[in-house]
C-alpha atoms as a PDB file:
ATOM      1  CA  UNK A   1     -54.850 114.573 -72.277  1.00  0.00           C
ATOM      2  CA  UNK A   2     -55.217 117.517 -70.430  1.00  0.00           C
ATOM      3  CA  UNK A   3     -57.333 118.259 -67.110  1.00  0.00           C
ATOM      4  CA  UNK A   4     -58.437 121.572 -65.996  1.00  0.00           C
ATOM      5  CA  UNK A   5     -60.504 121.854 -62.617  1.00  0.00           C
ATOM      6  CA  UNK A   6     -63.136 124.647 -62.292  1.00  0.00           C
ATOM      7  CA  UNK A   7     -65.013 126.246 -59.767  1.00  0.00           C
ATOM      8  CA  UNK A   8     -68.728 125.566 -59.893  1.00  0.00           C
ATOM      9  CA  UNK A   9     -69.582 129.380 -60.521  1.00  0.00           C
ATOM     10  CA  UNK A  10     -67.268 128.555 -64.100  1.00  0.00           C
ATOM     11  CA  UNK A  11     -69.903 125.550 -65.196  1.00  0.00           C
ATOM     12  CA  UNK A  12     -72.742 128.304 -64.254  1.00  0.00           C
ATOM     13  CA  UNK A  13     -71.998 131.433 -65.778  1.00  0.00           C
ATOM     14  CA  UNK A  14     -69.323 129.744 -68.579  1.00  0.00           C
ATOM     15  CA  UNK A  15     -65.919 131.284 -69.006  1.00  0.00           C
ATOM     16  CA  UNK A  16     -63.183 131.452 -71.586  1.00  0.00           C
ATOM     17  CA  UNK A  17     -59.519 130.311 -70.925  1.00  0.00           C
ATOM     18  CA  UNK A  18     -55.901 130.335 -72.266  1.00  0.00           C
ATOM     19  CA  UNK A  19     -54.512 126.899 -72.294  1.00  0.00           C
ATOM     20  CA  UNK A  20     -50.255 127.393 -72.477  1.00  0.00           C
ATOM     21  CA  UNK A  21     -48.481 124.099 -73.714  1.00  0.00           C
ATOM     22  CA  UNK A  22     -45.332 123.592 -75.326  1.00  0.00           C
ATOM     23  CA  UNK A  23     -45.328 120.939 -77.919  1.00  0.00           C
ATOM     24  CA  UNK A  24     -42.528 119.682 -80.523  1.00  0.00           C
ATOM     25  CA  UNK A  25     -42.847 120.815 -83.766  1.00  0.00           C
ATOM     26  CA  UNK A  26     -40.559 119.437 -87.396  1.00  0.00           C
ATOM     27  CA  UNK A  27     -37.808 121.506 -87.251  1.00  0.00           C
ATOM     28  CA  UNK A  28     -38.476 124.401 -90.486  1.00  0.00           C
ATOM     29  CA  UNK A  29     -34.809 124.774 -91.328  1.00  0.00           C
ATOM     30  CA  UNK A  30     -34.572 120.524 -91.909  1.00  0.00           C
ATOM     31  CA  UNK A  31     -37.760 119.709 -92.302  1.00  0.00           C
ATOM     32  CA  UNK A  32     -37.693 117.033 -89.659  1.00  0.00           C
ATOM     33  CA  UNK A  33     -34.805 114.985 -91.175  1.00  0.00           C
ATOM     34  CA  UNK A  34     -32.336 116.131 -88.581  1.00  0.00           C
ATOM     35  CA  UNK A  35     -29.317 116.868 -91.034  1.00  0.00           C
ATOM     36  CA  UNK A  36     -29.008 120.188 -93.139  1.00  0.00           C
ATOM     37  CA  UNK A  37     -28.823 117.682 -96.518  1.00  0.00           C
ATOM     38  CA  UNK A  38     -28.229 113.864 -97.786  1.00  0.00           C
ATOM     39  CA  UNK A  39     -27.527 112.113-100.708  1.00  0.00           C
ATOM     40  CA  UNK A  40     -28.620 108.971-102.191  1.00  0.00           C
ATOM     41  CA  UNK A  41     -26.821 106.095-100.297  1.00  0.00           C
ATOM     42  CA  UNK A  42     -24.999 104.143-102.920  1.00  0.00           C
ATOM     43  CA  UNK A  43     -25.242 100.587-102.420  1.00  0.00           C
ATOM     44  CA  UNK A  44     -28.815 100.552-102.180  1.00  0.00           C
ATOM     45  CA  UNK A  45     -29.339 102.908-104.526  1.00  0.00           C
ATOM     46  CA  UNK A  46     -31.936 105.176-102.307  1.00  0.00           C
ATOM     47  CA  UNK A  47     -33.914 102.009-102.245  1.00  0.00           C
ATOM     48  CA  UNK A  48     -32.878 101.371 -98.355  1.00  0.00           C
ATOM     49  CA  UNK A  49     -33.063  97.535 -99.240  1.00  0.00           C
ATOM     50  CA  UNK A  50     -30.580  95.332-100.705  1.00  0.00           C
ATOM     51  CA  UNK A  51     -30.846  91.521-101.801  1.00  0.00           C
ATOM     52  CA  UNK A  52     -28.762  89.151-100.206  1.00  0.00           C
ATOM     53  CA  UNK A  53     -28.751  85.549-101.179  1.00  0.00           C
ATOM     54  CA  UNK A  54     -29.257  82.708 -98.261  1.00  0.00           C
ATOM     55  CA  UNK A  55     -27.487  78.942 -98.454  1.00  0.00           C
ATOM     56  CA  UNK A  56     -30.651  77.264 -97.419  1.00  0.00           C
ATOM     57  CA  UNK A  57     -28.922  73.956 -97.967  1.00  0.00           C
ATOM     58  CA  UNK A  58     -26.744  71.840-100.688  1.00  0.00           C
ATOM     59  CA  UNK A  59     -27.409  73.447-104.228  1.00  0.00           C
ATOM     60  CA  UNK A  60     -30.407  75.959-102.588  1.00  0.00           C
ATOM     61  CA  UNK A  61     -29.798  79.448-102.448  1.00  0.00           C
ATOM     62  CA  UNK A  62     -32.462  81.865-101.606  1.00  0.00           C
ATOM     63  CA  UNK A  63     -32.939  85.540-101.882  1.00  0.00           C
ATOM     64  CA  UNK A  64     -34.127  87.764 -99.964  1.00  0.00           C
ATOM     65  CA  UNK A  65     -34.564  91.666 -99.559  1.00  0.00           C
ATOM     66  CA  UNK A  66     -32.921  93.090 -96.107  1.00  0.00           C
ATOM     67  CA  UNK A  67     -32.714  96.284 -95.089  1.00  0.00           C
ATOM     68  CA  UNK A  68     -29.342  98.090 -96.123  1.00  0.00           C
ATOM     69  CA  UNK A  69     -26.612  97.783 -93.661  1.00  0.00           C
ATOM     70  CA  UNK A  70     -25.144 100.767 -94.735  1.00  0.00           C
ATOM     71  CA  UNK A  71     -27.771 103.435 -94.449  1.00  0.00           C
ATOM     72  CA  UNK A  72     -29.833 101.432 -91.637  1.00  0.00           C
ATOM     73  CA  UNK A  73     -32.969 100.947 -94.421  1.00  0.00           C
ATOM     74  CA  UNK A  74     -32.712 104.864 -94.717  1.00  0.00           C
ATOM     75  CA  UNK A  75     -31.824 105.223 -98.672  1.00  0.00           C
ATOM     76  CA  UNK A  76     -29.876 107.872 -97.721  1.00  0.00           C
ATOM     77  CA  UNK A  77     -26.600 108.741 -96.435  1.00  0.00           C
ATOM     78  CA  UNK A  78     -26.629 111.935 -93.893  1.00  0.00           C
ATOM     79  CA  UNK A  79     -24.927 115.098 -94.217  1.00  0.00           C
ATOM     80  CA  UNK A  80     -24.068 117.397 -90.994  1.00  0.00           C
ATOM     81  CA  UNK A  81     -26.557 117.624 -88.087  1.00  0.00           C
ATOM     82  CA  UNK A  82     -28.918 120.377 -88.559  1.00  0.00           C
ATOM     83  CA  UNK A  83     -28.162 123.374 -86.391  1.00  0.00           C
ATOM     84  CA  UNK A  84     -31.632 124.925 -85.667  1.00  0.00           C
ATOM     85  CA  UNK A  85     -32.510 121.933 -83.801  1.00  0.00           C
ATOM     86  CA  UNK A  86     -29.124 120.045 -83.249  1.00  0.00           C
ATOM     87  CA  UNK A  87     -29.805 117.142 -85.048  1.00  0.00           C
ATOM     88  CA  UNK A  88     -32.929 116.179 -82.756  1.00  0.00           C
ATOM     89  CA  UNK A  89     -35.695 116.386 -85.973  1.00  0.00           C
ATOM     90  CA  UNK A  90     -37.889 118.842 -83.533  1.00  0.00           C
ATOM     91  CA  UNK A  91     -37.934 122.091 -82.003  1.00  0.00           C
ATOM     92  CA  UNK A  92     -40.169 123.333 -78.668  1.00  0.00           C
ATOM     93  CA  UNK A  93     -42.565 125.915 -79.150  1.00  0.00           C
ATOM     94  CA  UNK A  94     -45.624 127.326 -77.280  1.00  0.00           C
ATOM     95  CA  UNK A  95     -48.829 126.518 -78.012  1.00  0.00           C
ATOM     96  CA  UNK A  96     -51.874 128.758 -76.290  1.00  0.00           C
ATOM     97  CA  UNK A  97     -55.666 127.350 -76.853  1.00  0.00           C
ATOM     98  CA  UNK A  98     -58.157 129.014 -76.025  1.00  0.00           C
ATOM     99  CA  UNK A  99     -60.776 127.214 -74.231  1.00  0.00           C
ATOM    100  CA  UNK A 100     -64.218 128.025 -74.439  1.00  0.00           C
ATOM    101  CA  UNK A 101     -66.439 126.765 -71.341  1.00  0.00           C
ATOM    102  CA  UNK A 102     -69.783 127.005 -71.978  1.00  0.00           C
ATOM    103  CA  UNK A 103     -72.431 128.097 -69.421  1.00  0.00           C
ATOM    104  CA  UNK A 104     -73.883 124.038 -68.371  1.00  0.00           C
ATOM    105  CA  UNK A 105     -71.221 122.412 -69.640  1.00  0.00           C
ATOM    106  CA  UNK A 106     -70.884 118.991 -68.339  1.00  0.00           C
ATOM    107  CA  UNK A 107     -68.382 118.360 -66.074  1.00  0.00           C
ATOM    108  CA  UNK A 108     -66.033 115.438 -67.491  1.00  0.00           C
ATOM    109  CA  UNK A 109     -66.438 116.350 -71.251  1.00  0.00           C
ATOM    110  CA  UNK A 110     -63.920 116.149 -73.198  1.00  0.00           C
ATOM    111  CA  UNK A 111     -63.264 119.350 -75.571  1.00  0.00           C
ATOM    112  CA  UNK A 112     -61.236 118.607 -78.623  1.00  0.00           C
ATOM    113  CA  UNK A 113     -58.716 120.574 -80.307  1.00  0.00           C
ATOM    114  CA  UNK A 114     -57.707 119.659 -84.034  1.00  0.00           C
ATOM    115  CA  UNK A 115     -54.069 119.384 -85.006  1.00  0.00           C
ATOM    116  CA  UNK A 116     -53.119 120.931 -81.674  1.00  0.00           C
ATOM    117  CA  UNK A 117     -50.336 118.156 -80.444  1.00  0.00           C
ATOM    118  CA  UNK A 118     -46.606 118.167 -80.968  1.00  0.00           C
ATOM    119  CA  UNK A 119     -45.710 116.342 -84.288  1.00  0.00           C
ATOM    120  CA  UNK A 120     -44.596 112.825 -84.581  1.00  0.00           C
ATOM    121  CA  UNK A 121     -42.209 110.771 -87.370  1.00  0.00           C
ATOM    122  CA  UNK A 122     -44.972 107.912 -87.152  1.00  0.00           C
ATOM    123  CA  UNK A 123     -47.529 110.544 -88.726  1.00  0.00           C
ATOM    124  CA  UNK A 124     -47.572 113.075 -91.671  1.00  0.00           C
ATOM    125  CA  UNK A 125     -50.107 115.261 -89.348  1.00  0.00           C
ATOM    126  CA  UNK A 126     -50.271 116.484 -85.781  1.00  0.00           C
ATOM    127  CA  UNK A 127     -52.564 114.801 -83.155  1.00  0.00           C
ATOM    128  CA  UNK A 128     -55.406 116.050 -81.278  1.00  0.00           C
ATOM    129  CA  UNK A 129     -55.152 117.492 -77.673  1.00  0.00           C
ATOM    130  CA  UNK A 130     -57.690 116.414 -75.730  1.00  0.00           C
ATOM    131  CA  UNK A 131     -58.610 118.271 -72.236  1.00  0.00           C
ATOM    132  CA  UNK A 132     -61.106 116.630 -70.054  1.00  0.00           C
ATOM    133  CA  UNK A 133     -63.099 119.555 -67.402  1.00  0.00           C
ATOM    134  CA  UNK A 134     -63.522 118.269 -64.222  1.00  0.00           C
ATOM    135  CA  UNK A 135     -65.087 120.419 -61.319  1.00  0.00           C
ATOM    136  CA  UNK A 136     -62.394 121.203 -58.282  1.00  0.00           C
ATOM    137  CA  UNK A 137     -63.064 120.628 -55.104  1.00  0.00           C
ATOM    138  CA  UNK A 138     -64.958 123.491 -53.026  1.00  0.00           C
ATOM    139  CA  UNK A 139     -66.367 123.890 -49.554  1.00  0.00           C
ATOM    140  CA  UNK A 140     -69.374 125.217 -50.918  1.00  0.00           C
ATOM    141  CA  UNK A 141     -73.164 123.860 -49.908  1.00  0.00           C
ATOM    142  CA  UNK A 142     -74.167 123.147 -53.133  1.00  0.00           C
ATOM    143  CA  UNK A 143     -73.717 119.619 -55.358  1.00  0.00           C
ATOM    144  CA  UNK A 144     -74.284 119.207 -58.968  1.00  0.00           C
ATOM    145  CA  UNK A 145     -76.436 116.507 -60.685  1.00  0.00           C
ATOM    146  CA  UNK A 146     -76.956 117.118 -64.261  1.00  0.00           C
ATOM    147  CA  UNK A 147     -78.996 120.222 -64.739  1.00  0.00           C
ATOM    148  CA  UNK A 148     -80.155 120.145 -60.834  1.00  0.00           C
ATOM    149  CA  UNK A 149     -78.476 122.019 -57.783  1.00  0.00           C
ATOM    150  CA  UNK A 150     -78.804 120.235 -54.754  1.00  0.00           C
ATOM    151  CA  UNK A 151     -78.230 121.884 -51.002  1.00  0.00           C
ATOM    152  CA  UNK A 152     -79.255 120.996 -47.290  1.00  0.00           C
ATOM    153  CA  UNK A 153     -81.165 123.846 -45.248  1.00  0.00           C
ATOM    154  CA  UNK A 154     -80.959 123.221 -41.870  1.00  0.00           C
ATOM    155  CA  UNK A 155     -84.017 125.027 -40.026  1.00  0.00           C
ATOM    156  CA  UNK A 156     -85.924 124.898 -36.178  1.00  0.00           C
ATOM    157  CA  UNK A 157     -89.045 122.988 -34.945  1.00  0.00           C
ATOM    158  CA  UNK A 158     -90.016 126.674 -35.259  1.00  0.00           C
ATOM    159  CA  UNK A 159     -89.245 127.102 -38.857  1.00  0.00           C
ATOM    160  CA  UNK A 160     -91.093 124.058 -39.373  1.00  0.00           C
ATOM    161  CA  UNK A 161     -94.137 124.451 -37.931  1.00  0.00           C
ATOM    162  CA  UNK A 162     -94.998 127.886 -38.457  1.00  0.00           C
ATOM    163  CA  UNK A 163     -92.623 128.615 -41.947  1.00  0.00           C
ATOM    164  CA  UNK A 164     -89.945 130.100 -42.664  1.00  0.00           C
ATOM    165  CA  UNK A 165     -87.713 132.300 -45.561  1.00  0.00           C
ATOM    166  CA  UNK A 166     -84.075 131.757 -45.784  1.00  0.00           C
ATOM    167  CA  UNK A 167     -80.879 131.933 -47.618  1.00  0.00           C
ATOM    168  CA  UNK A 168     -78.317 129.717 -49.073  1.00  0.00           C
ATOM    169  CA  UNK A 169     -75.280 131.347 -50.241  1.00  0.00           C
ATOM    170  CA  UNK A 170     -72.635 130.739 -52.615  1.00  0.00           C
ATOM    171  CA  UNK A 171     -75.122 130.360 -55.226  1.00  0.00           C
ATOM    172  CA  UNK A 172     -73.242 130.852 -58.308  1.00  0.00           C
ATOM    173  CA  UNK A 173     -76.548 132.493 -59.638  1.00  0.00           C
ATOM    174  CA  UNK A 174     -77.783 134.057 -56.446  1.00  0.00           C
ATOM    175  CA  UNK A 175     -74.940 136.881 -55.150  1.00  0.00           C
ATOM    176  CA  UNK A 176     -77.094 137.419 -52.304  1.00  0.00           C
ATOM    177  CA  UNK A 177     -77.965 134.150 -51.620  1.00  0.00           C
ATOM    178  CA  UNK A 178     -80.823 131.781 -53.061  1.00  0.00           C
ATOM    179  CA  UNK A 179     -84.302 132.876 -51.410  1.00  0.00           C
ATOM    180  CA  UNK A 180     -86.122 129.468 -49.756  1.00  0.00           C
ATOM    181  CA  UNK A 181     -89.338 129.494 -48.984  1.00  0.00           C
ATOM    182  CA  UNK A 182     -90.138 127.164 -46.184  1.00  0.00           C
ATOM    183  CA  UNK A 183     -93.922 126.234 -45.868  1.00  0.00           C
ATOM    184  CA  UNK A 184     -95.453 125.704 -42.220  1.00  0.00           C
ATOM    185  CA  UNK A 185     -95.873 122.174 -41.456  1.00  0.00           C
ATOM    186  CA  UNK A 186     -92.702 121.133 -43.297  1.00  0.00           C
ATOM    187  CA  UNK A 187     -90.665 118.028 -42.106  1.00  0.00           C
ATOM    188  CA  UNK A 188     -87.471 116.850 -41.605  1.00  0.00           C
ATOM    189  CA  UNK A 189     -85.971 115.265 -45.151  1.00  0.00           C
ATOM    190  CA  UNK A 190     -88.380 116.805 -46.841  1.00  0.00           C
ATOM    191  CA  UNK A 191     -87.288 117.845 -50.829  1.00  0.00           C
ATOM    192  CA  UNK A 192     -88.314 121.732 -51.835  1.00  0.00           C
ATOM    193  CA  UNK A 193     -87.976 122.499 -55.264  1.00  0.00           C
ATOM    194  CA  UNK A 194     -87.043 126.089 -56.656  1.00  0.00           C
ATOM    195  CA  UNK A 195     -87.853 126.731 -60.334  1.00  0.00           C
ATOM    196  CA  UNK A 196     -85.191 127.859 -62.419  1.00  0.00           C
ATOM    197  CA  UNK A 197     -82.493 127.768 -59.764  1.00  0.00           C
ATOM    198  CA  UNK A 198     -80.148 125.079 -61.232  1.00  0.00           C
ATOM    199  CA  UNK A 199     -77.851 124.930 -63.055  1.00  0.00           C
ATOM    200  CA  UNK A 200     -77.921 126.194 -67.261  1.00  0.00           C
ATOM    201  CA  UNK A 201     -79.046 123.941 -69.746  1.00  0.00           C
ATOM    202  CA  UNK A 202     -76.456 123.919 -72.280  1.00  0.00           C
ATOM    203  CA  UNK A 203     -77.642 125.822 -75.728  1.00  0.00           C
ATOM    204  CA  UNK A 204     -80.990 127.055 -74.551  1.00  0.00           C
ATOM    205  CA  UNK A 205     -82.126 129.749 -72.073  1.00  0.00           C
ATOM    206  CA  UNK A 206     -83.044 127.535 -69.506  1.00  0.00           C
ATOM    207  CA  UNK A 207     -82.344 126.169 -66.146  1.00  0.00           C
ATOM    208  CA  UNK A 208     -82.706 122.734 -63.801  1.00  0.00           C
ATOM    209  CA  UNK A 209     -84.380 123.114 -60.752  1.00  0.00           C
ATOM    210  CA  UNK A 210     -82.966 123.379 -57.281  1.00  0.00           C
ATOM    211  CA  UNK A 211     -83.578 120.463 -54.935  1.00  0.00           C
ATOM    212  CA  UNK A 212     -83.686 121.400 -50.787  1.00  0.00           C
ATOM    213  CA  UNK A 213     -83.862 119.083 -48.340  1.00  0.00           C
ATOM    214  CA  UNK A 214     -84.675 120.096 -44.715  1.00  0.00           C
ATOM    215  CA  UNK A 215     -82.749 119.093 -42.083  1.00  0.00           C
ATOM    216  CA  UNK A 216     -85.057 120.073 -38.811  1.00  0.00           C
ATOM    217  CA  UNK A 217     -82.607 120.607 -35.340  1.00  0.00           C
ATOM    218  CA  UNK A 218     -84.213 121.153 -32.742  1.00  0.00           C
ATOM    219  CA  UNK A 219     -83.099 124.443 -30.664  1.00  0.00           C
ATOM    220  CA  UNK A 220     -81.888 124.379 -27.137  1.00  0.00           C
ATOM    221  CA  UNK A 221     -84.841 126.786 -26.219  1.00  0.00           C
ATOM    222  CA  UNK A 222     -87.131 125.294 -28.250  1.00  0.00           C
ATOM    223  CA  UNK A 223     -86.881 122.510 -25.948  1.00  0.00           C
ATOM    224  CA  UNK A 224     -86.806 124.301 -22.777  1.00  0.00           C
ATOM    225  CA  UNK A 225     -90.169 125.244 -23.951  1.00  0.00           C
ATOM    226  CA  UNK A 226     -91.425 121.619 -24.878  1.00  0.00           C
ATOM    227  CA  UNK A 227     -90.410 120.722 -21.777  1.00  0.00           C
ATOM    228  CA  UNK A 228     -91.645 123.300 -19.685  1.00  0.00           C
ATOM    229  CA  UNK A 229     -95.097 123.805 -21.816  1.00  0.00           C
ATOM    230  CA  UNK A 230     -95.129 120.133 -23.005  1.00  0.00           C
ATOM    231  CA  UNK A 231     -98.939 119.775 -21.777  1.00  0.00           C
ATOM    232  CA  UNK A 232    -100.089 123.278 -23.403  1.00  0.00           C
ATOM    233  CA  UNK A 233     -98.571 122.275 -26.741  1.00  0.00           C
ATOM    234  CA  UNK A 234    -100.169 119.126 -27.164  1.00  0.00           C
ATOM    235  CA  UNK A 235    -103.268 120.604 -26.600  1.00  0.00           C
ATOM    236  CA  UNK A 236    -102.667 122.954 -28.897  1.00  0.00           C
ATOM    237  CA  UNK A 237    -101.050 120.784 -31.857  1.00  0.00           C
ATOM    238  CA  UNK A 238    -103.720 118.168 -31.229  1.00  0.00           C
ATOM    239  CA  UNK A 239    -107.293 120.809 -31.053  1.00  0.00           C
ATOM    240  CA  UNK A 240    -108.640 120.762 -34.597  1.00  0.00           C
ATOM    241  CA  UNK A 241    -111.154 123.400 -34.956  1.00  0.00           C
END
């Protein structure tokens, strides 16, 4: 199994990758035999097995089949080694896979390519190649959870009281930043939902949502204002129109 690590943008927009790797194929010259030619074993007549007699006791003899010692059970005697593969039965070749990453592909999903693995003498056909798609580590504010993109937005006390408009960068669908409208009266830990700002939902034209957790921070100038005008602020904030 091969594992590839992709940035969030590739899961969002989709991508076509070419993956090169080396695989072993049966030698075309000797068809995987490792020899130029072979002849049937004279001892076992090409059967690969011979009958042997085993003395079990006085007057007791048992016949049993055993692998032929002359041909090691192959049934044939090998001729000269194949020059194309040096008798190894296999030759190496480069294999190129076209890997399509669809928008909205799930992290950890396995893509299967039938018959793209190396040949093996125990099997008539080559096996499958499995490619597991993982997300690369990135220093970006967005974290994926299925079709949801989550981020934390730091705002000031003034922003939380009066509202504001902010942008969070590095969103794969918003090159200029994803705009977040902070409504007046927002509180620390509040989660704002931005519709259709999440990940594409694979196989559809829909997108998930973005979940923005607010982190209210008291700026130095705000702290100074509270300390200086605390009584006035309390009066304003507790006055009911």
